[in-house]
N, C-alpha and C. Protein backbone atom coordinates (compact mmCIF):
# COMPACT_ATOMS: atom_id res chain seq x y z
N MET A 1 65.25 181.64 250.24
CA MET A 1 64.52 182.74 250.83
C MET A 1 64.64 182.53 252.39
N LYS A 2 64.59 183.26 253.47
CA LYS A 2 65.08 183.11 254.65
C LYS A 2 63.56 182.57 255.15
N ALA A 3 63.63 181.72 256.30
CA ALA A 3 62.18 180.70 257.20
C ALA A 3 61.54 181.96 257.15
N GLY A 4 60.20 181.73 256.76
CA GLY A 4 58.98 182.93 257.63
C GLY A 4 59.17 183.91 256.33
N SER A 5 59.71 183.65 255.36
CA SER A 5 59.43 184.76 254.20
C SER A 5 58.17 184.72 253.61
N VAL A 6 57.60 185.80 253.33
CA VAL A 6 56.32 185.43 252.57
C VAL A 6 56.41 186.42 251.31
N ILE A 7 55.63 185.65 250.22
CA ILE A 7 55.72 186.23 248.84
C ILE A 7 54.25 186.70 248.38
N VAL A 8 53.91 187.94 248.29
CA VAL A 8 52.37 188.52 247.62
C VAL A 8 52.30 188.24 246.38
N ASP A 9 52.09 187.79 245.81
CA ASP A 9 51.78 187.78 243.79
C ASP A 9 50.40 188.19 243.80
N LEU A 10 51.09 189.66 243.42
CA LEU A 10 49.72 190.58 242.83
C LEU A 10 49.08 190.42 241.77
N SER A 11 49.74 189.38 240.78
CA SER A 11 49.86 188.90 239.72
C SER A 11 49.12 187.63 239.30
N ALA A 12 48.77 186.96 240.11
CA ALA A 12 48.75 185.84 240.11
C ALA A 12 47.19 185.57 239.40
N GLU A 13 45.97 186.35 239.16
CA GLU A 13 45.19 186.15 238.62
C GLU A 13 45.54 186.03 236.70
N GLY A 14 46.53 186.72 236.79
CA GLY A 14 46.70 186.96 235.51
C GLY A 14 48.19 185.81 235.01
N GLY A 15 48.30 185.12 235.83
CA GLY A 15 49.48 183.55 235.75
C GLY A 15 50.40 183.56 236.87
N GLY A 16 50.77 184.83 236.87
CA GLY A 16 51.49 184.77 238.31
C GLY A 16 53.06 185.66 238.04
N ASN A 17 53.77 185.73 239.33
CA ASN A 17 55.14 186.09 239.01
C ASN A 17 56.12 184.97 239.78
N CYS A 18 55.45 184.43 240.30
CA CYS A 18 56.16 183.27 241.07
C CYS A 18 55.73 181.82 240.68
N GLU A 19 56.26 180.74 240.23
CA GLU A 19 56.00 179.80 239.47
C GLU A 19 55.22 178.65 240.79
N ASP A 20 55.22 178.97 242.03
CA ASP A 20 54.10 178.10 242.45
C ASP A 20 53.31 178.81 243.11
N SER A 21 52.76 179.92 242.44
CA SER A 21 51.31 180.72 242.94
C SER A 21 50.29 179.88 242.50
N ARG A 22 49.51 179.70 243.41
CA ARG A 22 48.02 179.28 243.09
C ARG A 22 47.11 180.42 243.29
N PRO A 23 46.39 180.89 242.11
CA PRO A 23 45.75 181.99 242.17
C PRO A 23 44.42 181.59 243.15
N GLY A 24 44.63 182.75 243.92
CA GLY A 24 43.45 182.69 245.04
C GLY A 24 43.58 181.82 246.11
N GLU A 25 44.65 181.26 246.21
CA GLU A 25 45.23 180.27 247.61
C GLU A 25 46.29 181.06 248.11
N THR A 26 46.63 180.66 249.36
CA THR A 26 47.87 180.93 250.10
C THR A 26 48.55 179.71 250.03
N THR A 27 49.52 179.45 249.87
CA THR A 27 50.46 177.82 250.20
C THR A 27 51.26 178.33 250.66
N ARG A 28 52.28 176.95 251.03
CA ARG A 28 53.31 177.17 251.71
C ARG A 28 54.17 176.12 251.01
N ILE A 29 55.56 176.74 250.63
CA ILE A 29 56.57 175.60 250.04
C ILE A 29 57.72 175.81 251.24
N GLY A 30 58.10 174.84 251.75
CA GLY A 30 59.17 174.76 252.59
C GLY A 30 58.68 175.93 253.81
N ASN A 31 59.75 176.73 253.96
CA ASN A 31 59.54 177.64 254.92
C ASN A 31 59.06 179.09 254.63
N VAL A 32 58.23 179.02 253.41
CA VAL A 32 58.32 180.35 252.79
C VAL A 32 56.53 180.20 252.36
N THR A 33 55.70 181.49 252.63
CA THR A 33 54.31 181.32 252.25
C THR A 33 54.17 182.20 251.02
N ILE A 34 53.52 181.68 250.35
CA ILE A 34 53.10 182.56 248.68
C ILE A 34 51.63 183.14 248.72
N VAL A 35 51.19 183.76 248.84
CA VAL A 35 49.88 184.57 249.20
C VAL A 35 49.45 184.97 247.38
N ALA A 36 48.82 184.66 246.79
CA ALA A 36 48.08 184.91 245.72
C ALA A 36 46.73 185.11 245.46
N PRO A 37 46.64 186.57 245.70
CA PRO A 37 44.86 186.78 246.13
C PRO A 37 44.61 187.39 244.51
N LEU A 38 43.13 187.24 244.46
CA LEU A 38 42.38 187.39 243.44
C LEU A 38 41.62 189.21 243.20
N ASN A 39 41.84 189.71 242.05
CA ASN A 39 41.02 190.98 242.09
C ASN A 39 41.41 192.31 243.24
N VAL A 40 42.61 191.88 243.41
CA VAL A 40 43.47 193.00 244.39
C VAL A 40 42.90 194.32 244.50
N PRO A 41 42.50 195.11 243.22
CA PRO A 41 41.91 196.55 243.08
C PRO A 41 40.62 196.53 243.83
N SER A 42 40.11 195.24 243.68
CA SER A 42 38.57 195.45 244.56
C SER A 42 38.62 195.49 246.00
N LEU A 43 39.91 195.03 246.59
CA LEU A 43 39.97 195.23 248.23
C LEU A 43 40.37 196.55 248.32
N LEU A 44 40.70 197.22 247.63
CA LEU A 44 41.15 198.71 247.98
C LEU A 44 40.00 200.13 247.79
N GLY A 45 40.25 201.06 248.59
CA GLY A 45 39.03 202.07 248.24
C GLY A 45 39.50 202.72 246.88
N GLU A 46 38.83 203.55 246.67
CA GLU A 46 38.97 204.03 245.47
C GLU A 46 39.80 205.57 245.81
N ASP A 47 39.37 205.91 246.96
CA ASP A 47 40.29 207.30 247.32
C ASP A 47 40.64 207.51 248.45
N ALA A 48 41.66 208.37 249.25
CA ALA A 48 41.79 208.31 250.66
C ALA A 48 40.78 208.51 251.52
N SER A 49 40.14 208.86 251.32
CA SER A 49 38.88 209.16 252.21
C SER A 49 38.16 208.23 252.41
N GLU A 50 37.94 206.96 251.42
CA GLU A 50 37.32 206.01 251.64
C GLU A 50 38.45 204.82 252.58
N LEU A 51 39.52 204.90 252.20
CA LEU A 51 40.78 204.37 252.86
C LEU A 51 40.58 204.50 254.30
N TYR A 52 40.53 205.87 254.73
CA TYR A 52 40.71 206.31 256.21
C TYR A 52 38.95 205.76 256.70
N ALA A 53 38.07 206.17 255.94
CA ALA A 53 36.81 205.71 256.45
C ALA A 53 37.05 204.11 256.93
N LYS A 54 37.22 203.29 256.22
CA LYS A 54 37.57 202.06 256.52
C LYS A 54 38.44 201.57 257.66
N ASN A 55 39.28 202.72 257.79
CA ASN A 55 40.48 202.13 258.80
C ASN A 55 39.72 202.75 260.29
N GLN A 56 38.74 203.59 260.45
CA GLN A 56 38.25 204.44 261.30
C GLN A 56 37.12 203.41 261.85
N TYR A 57 36.59 202.78 260.64
CA TYR A 57 35.73 201.88 261.22
C TYR A 57 35.61 200.52 261.57
N ASN A 58 37.09 200.08 261.32
CA ASN A 58 37.85 198.79 261.30
C ASN A 58 38.11 199.20 263.31
N LEU A 59 38.72 200.25 263.31
CA LEU A 59 39.36 200.49 265.05
C LEU A 59 37.78 200.32 265.51
N LEU A 60 36.77 201.09 265.48
CA LEU A 60 35.53 200.86 266.33
C LEU A 60 35.33 199.69 265.98
N ALA A 61 35.38 198.56 265.32
CA ALA A 61 34.65 197.27 265.40
C ALA A 61 35.55 196.72 266.56
N LEU A 62 36.75 197.02 266.83
CA LEU A 62 37.94 196.46 267.45
C LEU A 62 36.91 196.76 269.23
N ILE A 63 37.17 198.08 268.93
CA ILE A 63 36.75 198.64 270.56
C ILE A 63 35.10 198.20 271.13
N MET A 64 34.43 198.30 269.81
CA MET A 64 32.94 198.64 270.37
C MET A 64 32.25 196.93 270.12
N LYS A 65 31.79 196.34 271.56
CA LYS A 65 31.51 194.78 271.22
C LYS A 65 30.17 195.16 271.63
N ASN A 66 29.41 194.70 270.99
CA ASN A 66 27.44 195.05 271.16
C ASN A 66 27.24 196.47 271.52
N ASN A 67 27.87 197.46 270.91
CA ASN A 67 27.39 198.79 270.60
C ASN A 67 27.84 199.27 272.35
N VAL A 68 28.60 198.37 272.95
CA VAL A 68 29.45 199.28 274.02
C VAL A 68 30.76 199.41 274.11
N ILE A 69 31.41 200.20 274.66
CA ILE A 69 33.03 200.45 274.65
C ILE A 69 33.51 199.46 275.49
N GLU A 70 34.21 198.52 274.86
CA GLU A 70 35.22 197.63 275.99
C GLU A 70 36.34 197.73 275.13
N ILE A 71 37.47 197.97 275.59
CA ILE A 71 38.64 197.71 275.62
C ILE A 71 39.50 196.69 275.89
N ASP A 72 40.12 195.97 274.80
CA ASP A 72 40.70 194.97 275.25
C ASP A 72 42.08 195.18 275.28
N TRP A 73 42.45 195.25 276.61
CA TRP A 73 44.16 195.67 276.62
C TRP A 73 44.92 194.90 276.55
N SER A 74 44.93 193.60 276.27
CA SER A 74 45.94 192.63 275.62
C SER A 74 45.67 192.86 274.03
N ASP A 75 44.94 193.58 273.43
CA ASP A 75 45.26 193.77 271.82
C ASP A 75 45.94 194.83 271.73
N GLU A 76 46.96 194.61 271.00
CA GLU A 76 48.19 195.50 271.12
C GLU A 76 47.90 197.17 270.55
N VAL A 77 46.98 196.70 269.39
CA VAL A 77 46.47 197.91 268.53
C VAL A 77 45.92 198.95 269.78
N LEU A 78 45.13 198.19 270.05
CA LEU A 78 44.15 198.81 271.05
C LEU A 78 44.49 199.97 272.38
N ALA A 79 45.65 198.91 272.93
CA ALA A 79 46.63 199.38 273.85
C ALA A 79 47.24 200.53 273.45
N LYS A 80 48.14 200.46 272.26
CA LYS A 80 48.80 201.42 271.99
C LYS A 80 48.12 203.04 271.33
N THR A 81 47.06 202.65 270.82
CA THR A 81 45.70 203.62 270.46
C THR A 81 45.65 204.93 271.64
N VAL A 82 45.02 204.17 272.87
CA VAL A 82 44.66 204.90 273.99
C VAL A 82 45.61 205.83 274.29
N LEU A 83 45.63 207.26 274.59
CA LEU A 83 46.26 208.13 275.29
C LEU A 83 46.10 208.09 277.14
N THR A 84 44.73 208.05 277.45
CA THR A 84 44.33 208.03 278.82
C THR A 84 43.14 207.54 279.33
N HIS A 85 43.46 206.74 280.37
CA HIS A 85 42.38 206.08 280.67
C HIS A 85 42.01 205.98 282.00
N ALA A 86 41.08 206.50 282.76
CA ALA A 86 40.75 206.41 284.28
C ALA A 86 41.58 207.18 284.98
N GLY A 87 42.13 208.64 284.18
CA GLY A 87 42.82 209.30 285.19
C GLY A 87 44.38 208.91 285.01
N GLU A 88 44.45 208.41 284.30
CA GLU A 88 46.06 207.15 283.89
C GLU A 88 46.70 207.52 282.46
N ASN A 89 47.56 207.81 282.40
CA ASN A 89 48.63 207.99 281.02
C ASN A 89 49.10 206.72 280.46
N LYS A 90 48.25 206.57 279.59
CA LYS A 90 48.60 205.24 278.82
C LYS A 90 49.72 205.40 277.61
N ALA A 91 49.90 206.87 277.36
CA ALA A 91 50.71 207.22 276.06
C ALA A 91 52.13 207.18 276.83
N GLU A 92 52.67 206.30 276.87
CA GLU A 92 53.98 206.06 276.92
C GLU A 92 54.99 205.83 275.84
N ALA A 93 54.42 205.73 274.38
CA ALA A 93 55.21 205.41 273.21
C ALA A 93 55.16 207.09 272.73
N SER A 94 54.00 207.74 273.28
CA SER A 94 53.82 209.21 272.89
C SER A 94 54.92 210.12 273.50
N ASP A 95 55.06 210.01 274.63
CA ASP A 95 55.89 210.85 275.40
C ASP A 95 57.35 210.51 275.15
N ALA A 96 57.72 208.98 274.85
CA ALA A 96 59.12 208.76 274.38
C ALA A 96 59.16 209.25 272.92
N ALA A 97 58.15 209.84 272.31
CA ALA A 97 58.35 209.94 271.11
C ALA A 97 58.52 211.84 270.91
N ALA A 98 58.13 212.51 271.83
CA ALA A 98 57.70 213.98 272.23
C ALA A 98 59.33 214.06 272.60
N LYS A 99 60.12 213.47 273.42
CA LYS A 99 61.44 213.79 273.82
C LYS A 99 62.65 214.10 272.77
N PRO A 100 63.39 215.22 272.74
CA PRO A 100 64.12 214.99 271.58
C PRO A 100 65.21 213.94 272.29
N VAL A 101 65.65 213.58 271.16
CA VAL A 101 66.47 211.99 270.60
C VAL A 101 67.77 212.43 269.70
N ALA A 102 69.10 212.29 270.23
CA ALA A 102 70.29 212.45 269.58
C ALA A 102 70.05 211.41 268.19
N ALA A 103 70.35 211.99 267.02
CA ALA A 103 70.39 211.04 266.08
C ALA A 103 71.58 210.78 265.99
N ALA A 104 71.80 208.96 265.83
CA ALA A 104 73.15 208.40 265.76
C ALA A 104 73.27 208.46 264.09
N LYS A 105 74.13 208.69 263.73
CA LYS A 105 74.41 208.72 262.30
C LYS A 105 74.97 206.96 262.09
N LYS A 106 74.28 206.08 261.12
CA LYS A 106 74.49 204.95 260.75
C LYS A 106 74.90 205.07 259.44
N PRO A 107 75.97 204.03 259.24
CA PRO A 107 76.37 203.88 257.75
C PRO A 107 75.29 203.40 257.04
N PRO A 108 75.28 203.76 255.37
CA PRO A 108 74.53 203.10 254.45
C PRO A 108 74.39 201.50 254.59
N ALA A 109 73.37 201.00 254.31
CA ALA A 109 73.30 199.36 254.58
C ALA A 109 73.48 198.83 252.97
N LYS A 110 74.67 197.83 253.28
CA LYS A 110 74.91 197.39 251.60
C LYS A 110 74.02 196.75 250.88
N ALA A 111 73.90 196.70 249.66
CA ALA A 111 72.88 195.95 249.25
C ALA A 111 73.47 194.61 248.56
N GLU A 112 72.76 193.42 248.94
CA GLU A 112 72.95 192.00 248.78
C GLU A 112 72.73 191.69 247.46
N PRO A 113 73.77 191.21 246.35
CA PRO A 113 73.10 190.46 245.23
C PRO A 113 72.32 189.42 245.44
N VAL A 114 70.99 189.59 244.62
CA VAL A 114 70.21 188.55 244.33
C VAL A 114 70.21 187.38 243.39
N THR A 115 70.52 186.80 243.88
CA THR A 115 70.48 185.32 242.69
C THR A 115 69.27 184.75 242.10
N PRO A 116 69.26 184.49 240.74
CA PRO A 116 67.84 183.91 240.11
C PRO A 116 68.22 182.35 240.73
N ALA A 117 66.52 182.21 241.01
CA ALA A 117 66.36 180.79 241.38
C ALA A 117 66.35 179.89 240.36
């Protein structure tokens, strides 16, 4: 695998799909990181509304410090979420997306054969 690759073994609790998985741990073998979380379903919401609410809560947690709005402009998520601030347009990405772009046709990517380890 390429250096910096990450394997997330979702079945680590039941023995795993990767021989180097250690249930409940994150390990590094060479330049590859293996994440083997336990009880993955408990980490997810039961429905889309719960997932959306969790996302909104986490966004507000980034914005609010001691119940006061404090935007950390060095935080990429916050900087790209804000559209305007103090009369200034902060939505460069939105402006670029709104302009029509000529679609360049690319040839389909070739599938690379996978060799068993």
